[in-house]
Amino acid sequence: MYVDLNCAWFKHPFPRRSFKISTAHQIATIQGIGLATVLVYPSLSTREALEEEKEQEASRSEASADPLGQQ
């Protein structure tokens, strides 16, 4: 997924503020920065990345619906 962090260079640890995410660690780092907005460019992203993001969102929704993991 191609993202733009939409913040100054000194507010994040990445070499550039716009880049294609390639690891789960990068996602965790972006979440840890605490940005109010991250821009996503679907036209610059690969289809596989978009499908993976949809799957992750579905997993998060299921987890939040049942926070104790009870079935």
N, C-alpha and C. Protein backbone atom coordinates (compact mmCIF):
# COMPACT_ATOMS: atom_id res chain seq x y z
N MET A 1 0.84 -1.15 0.00
CA MET A 1 0.00 0.00 0.00
C MET A 1 0.90 1.24 0.00
N TYR A 2 0.58 2.18 -0.86
CA TYR A 2 1.38 3.40 -0.96
C TYR A 2 0.74 4.46 -0.06
N VAL A 3 1.54 5.05 0.81
CA VAL A 3 1.03 6.03 1.77
C VAL A 3 1.84 7.31 1.74
N ASP A 4 1.22 8.37 2.22
CA ASP A 4 1.88 9.65 2.46
C ASP A 4 1.58 9.99 3.92
N LEU A 5 2.62 10.12 4.72
CA LEU A 5 2.44 10.37 6.15
C LEU A 5 1.94 11.78 6.44
N ASN A 6 2.05 12.67 5.46
CA ASN A 6 1.48 14.01 5.58
C ASN A 6 1.97 14.75 6.83
N CYS A 7 3.28 14.64 7.07
CA CYS A 7 3.87 15.36 8.21
C CYS A 7 5.33 15.69 7.88
N ALA A 8 5.92 16.52 8.70
CA ALA A 8 7.31 16.92 8.51
C ALA A 8 8.26 15.73 8.64
N TRP A 9 9.39 15.80 7.98
CA TRP A 9 10.35 14.69 7.95
C TRP A 9 10.85 14.30 9.33
N PHE A 10 10.93 15.25 10.24
CA PHE A 10 11.48 14.96 11.57
C PHE A 10 10.45 14.34 12.53
N LYS A 11 9.21 14.15 12.08
CA LYS A 11 8.18 13.55 12.92
C LYS A 11 8.01 12.06 12.67
N HIS A 12 8.85 11.48 11.81
CA HIS A 12 8.77 10.04 11.54
C HIS A 12 10.16 9.49 11.25
N PRO A 13 10.36 8.18 11.41
CA PRO A 13 11.69 7.58 11.23
C PRO A 13 12.00 7.10 9.81
N PHE A 14 11.11 7.34 8.86
CA PHE A 14 11.29 6.83 7.51
C PHE A 14 12.12 7.80 6.66
N PRO A 15 12.84 7.28 5.66
CA PRO A 15 13.65 8.15 4.80
C PRO A 15 12.82 9.16 4.00
N ARG A 16 11.59 8.78 3.68
CA ARG A 16 10.68 9.66 2.92
C ARG A 16 9.33 9.65 3.60
N ARG A 17 8.55 10.69 3.36
CA ARG A 17 7.22 10.70 3.96
C ARG A 17 6.20 9.96 3.09
N SER A 18 6.51 9.73 1.81
CA SER A 18 5.64 8.97 0.90
C SER A 18 6.39 7.73 0.44
N PHE A 19 5.75 6.57 0.59
CA PHE A 19 6.42 5.32 0.22
C PHE A 19 5.41 4.17 0.20
N LYS A 20 5.83 3.05 -0.37
CA LYS A 20 5.01 1.85 -0.38
C LYS A 20 5.35 1.02 0.85
N ILE A 21 4.35 0.71 1.64
CA ILE A 21 4.55 -0.12 2.83
C ILE A 21 4.86 -1.53 2.38
N SER A 22 5.91 -2.12 2.96
CA SER A 22 6.30 -3.47 2.55
C SER A 22 6.38 -4.45 3.71
N THR A 23 6.24 -3.97 4.95
CA THR A 23 6.33 -4.88 6.09
C THR A 23 5.30 -4.51 7.16
N ALA A 24 4.97 -5.49 7.97
CA ALA A 24 4.07 -5.25 9.10
C ALA A 24 4.73 -4.32 10.11
N HIS A 25 6.05 -4.37 10.20
CA HIS A 25 6.78 -3.50 11.12
C HIS A 25 6.57 -2.03 10.74
N GLN A 26 6.55 -1.73 9.45
CA GLN A 26 6.30 -0.35 9.01
C GLN A 26 4.90 0.10 9.43
N ILE A 27 3.93 -0.78 9.31
CA ILE A 27 2.57 -0.45 9.73
C ILE A 27 2.54 -0.14 11.22
N ALA A 28 3.19 -1.00 12.01
CA ALA A 28 3.23 -0.79 13.46
C ALA A 28 3.92 0.54 13.80
N THR A 29 4.98 0.86 13.08
CA THR A 29 5.69 2.12 13.31
C THR A 29 4.78 3.31 13.01
N ILE A 30 4.07 3.24 11.90
CA ILE A 30 3.15 4.32 11.52
C ILE A 30 2.07 4.48 12.58
N GLN A 31 1.52 3.36 13.07
CA GLN A 31 0.51 3.43 14.12
C GLN A 31 1.08 4.06 15.39
N GLY A 32 2.33 3.76 15.69
CA GLY A 32 2.96 4.28 16.90
C GLY A 32 3.30 5.76 16.85
N ILE A 33 3.38 6.32 15.66
CA ILE A 33 3.71 7.74 15.52
C ILE A 33 2.57 8.61 16.06
N GLY A 34 1.34 8.13 15.92
CA GLY A 34 0.20 8.87 16.43
C GLY A 34 -0.29 9.97 15.52
N LEU A 35 -0.15 9.79 14.22
CA LEU A 35 -0.63 10.79 13.27
C LEU A 35 -2.15 10.80 13.22
N ALA A 36 -2.73 11.97 13.03
CA ALA A 36 -4.17 12.09 12.90
C ALA A 36 -4.64 11.58 11.54
N THR A 37 -3.79 11.73 10.51
CA THR A 37 -4.15 11.36 9.15
C THR A 37 -2.97 10.73 8.43
N VAL A 38 -3.25 9.66 7.72
CA VAL A 38 -2.28 9.06 6.80
C VAL A 38 -3.00 8.94 5.46
N LEU A 39 -2.43 9.51 4.43
CA LEU A 39 -3.04 9.46 3.11
C LEU A 39 -2.66 8.15 2.43
N VAL A 40 -3.63 7.51 1.79
CA VAL A 40 -3.41 6.25 1.07
C VAL A 40 -3.73 6.50 -0.40
N TYR A 41 -2.84 6.04 -1.27
CA TYR A 41 -3.02 6.20 -2.70
C TYR A 41 -3.26 4.84 -3.34
N PRO A 42 -4.53 4.45 -3.53
CA PRO A 42 -4.83 3.16 -4.14
C PRO A 42 -4.24 3.00 -5.54
N SER A 43 -4.15 4.09 -6.29
CA SER A 43 -3.63 4.00 -7.66
C SER A 43 -2.15 3.65 -7.68
N LEU A 44 -1.43 3.92 -6.60
CA LEU A 44 0.00 3.59 -6.52
C LEU A 44 0.24 2.30 -5.73
N SER A 45 -0.83 1.73 -5.19
CA SER A 45 -0.73 0.50 -4.40
C SER A 45 -0.95 -0.71 -5.29
N THR A 46 -0.46 -1.85 -4.83
CA THR A 46 -0.70 -3.08 -5.58
C THR A 46 -2.01 -3.70 -5.11
N ARG A 47 -2.63 -4.45 -5.97
CA ARG A 47 -3.91 -5.08 -5.65
C ARG A 47 -3.78 -6.01 -4.44
N GLU A 48 -2.69 -6.76 -4.37
CA GLU A 48 -2.49 -7.69 -3.26
C GLU A 48 -2.47 -6.94 -1.93
N ALA A 49 -1.84 -5.80 -1.90
CA ALA A 49 -1.76 -5.01 -0.67
C ALA A 49 -3.15 -4.53 -0.26
N LEU A 50 -3.96 -4.13 -1.22
CA LEU A 50 -5.30 -3.67 -0.91
C LEU A 50 -6.16 -4.80 -0.38
N GLU A 51 -6.05 -5.99 -0.97
CA GLU A 51 -6.81 -7.14 -0.50
C GLU A 51 -6.36 -7.55 0.90
N GLU A 52 -5.06 -7.49 1.15
CA GLU A 52 -4.54 -7.82 2.47
C GLU A 52 -5.06 -6.83 3.51
N GLU A 53 -5.12 -5.56 3.16
CA GLU A 53 -5.64 -4.54 4.08
C GLU A 53 -7.10 -4.81 4.40
N LYS A 54 -7.90 -5.22 3.41
CA LYS A 54 -9.30 -5.54 3.65
C LYS A 54 -9.42 -6.70 4.62
N GLU A 55 -8.57 -7.72 4.46
CA GLU A 55 -8.59 -8.87 5.36
C GLU A 55 -8.20 -8.45 6.77
N GLN A 56 -7.20 -7.60 6.91
CA GLN A 56 -6.78 -7.13 8.23
C GLN A 56 -7.89 -6.31 8.89
N GLU A 57 -8.57 -5.49 8.12
CA GLU A 57 -9.67 -4.69 8.66
C GLU A 57 -10.79 -5.60 9.15
N ALA A 58 -11.09 -6.64 8.39
CA ALA A 58 -12.13 -7.59 8.81
C ALA A 58 -11.72 -8.29 10.11
N SER A 59 -10.46 -8.65 10.24
CA SER A 59 -9.97 -9.29 11.46
C SER A 59 -10.07 -8.34 12.65
N ARG A 60 -9.73 -7.07 12.43
CA ARG A 60 -9.83 -6.09 13.52
C ARG A 60 -11.28 -5.90 13.94
N SER A 61 -12.19 -5.89 12.97
CA SER A 61 -13.61 -5.72 13.28
C SER A 61 -14.13 -6.89 14.09
N GLU A 62 -13.73 -8.11 13.71
CA GLU A 62 -14.14 -9.29 14.45
C GLU A 62 -13.57 -9.27 15.86
N ALA A 63 -12.33 -8.86 16.00
CA ALA A 63 -11.69 -8.82 17.32
C ALA A 63 -12.35 -7.78 18.21
N SER A 64 -12.73 -6.64 17.65
CA SER A 64 -13.37 -5.60 18.47
C SER A 64 -14.80 -5.98 18.83
N ALA A 65 -15.45 -6.81 18.02
CA ALA A 65 -16.80 -7.26 18.32
C ALA A 65 -16.79 -8.25 19.48
N ASP A 66 -15.69 -8.99 19.64
CA ASP A 66 -15.56 -9.98 20.70
C ASP A 66 -14.21 -9.80 21.37
N PRO A 67 -14.07 -8.76 22.22
CA PRO A 67 -12.75 -8.42 22.78
C PRO A 67 -12.14 -9.50 23.66
N LEU A 68 -12.94 -10.40 24.22
CA LEU A 68 -12.40 -11.45 25.07
C LEU A 68 -12.08 -12.72 24.31
N GLY A 69 -12.38 -12.73 23.03
CA GLY A 69 -12.08 -13.90 22.21
C GLY A 69 -13.02 -15.06 22.47
N GLN A 70 -14.18 -14.78 23.06
CA GLN A 70 -15.14 -15.84 23.34
C GLN A 70 -15.93 -16.16 22.09
N GLN A 71 -16.21 -17.42 21.91
CA GLN A 71 -16.94 -17.85 20.72
C GLN A 71 -18.32 -18.32 21.08
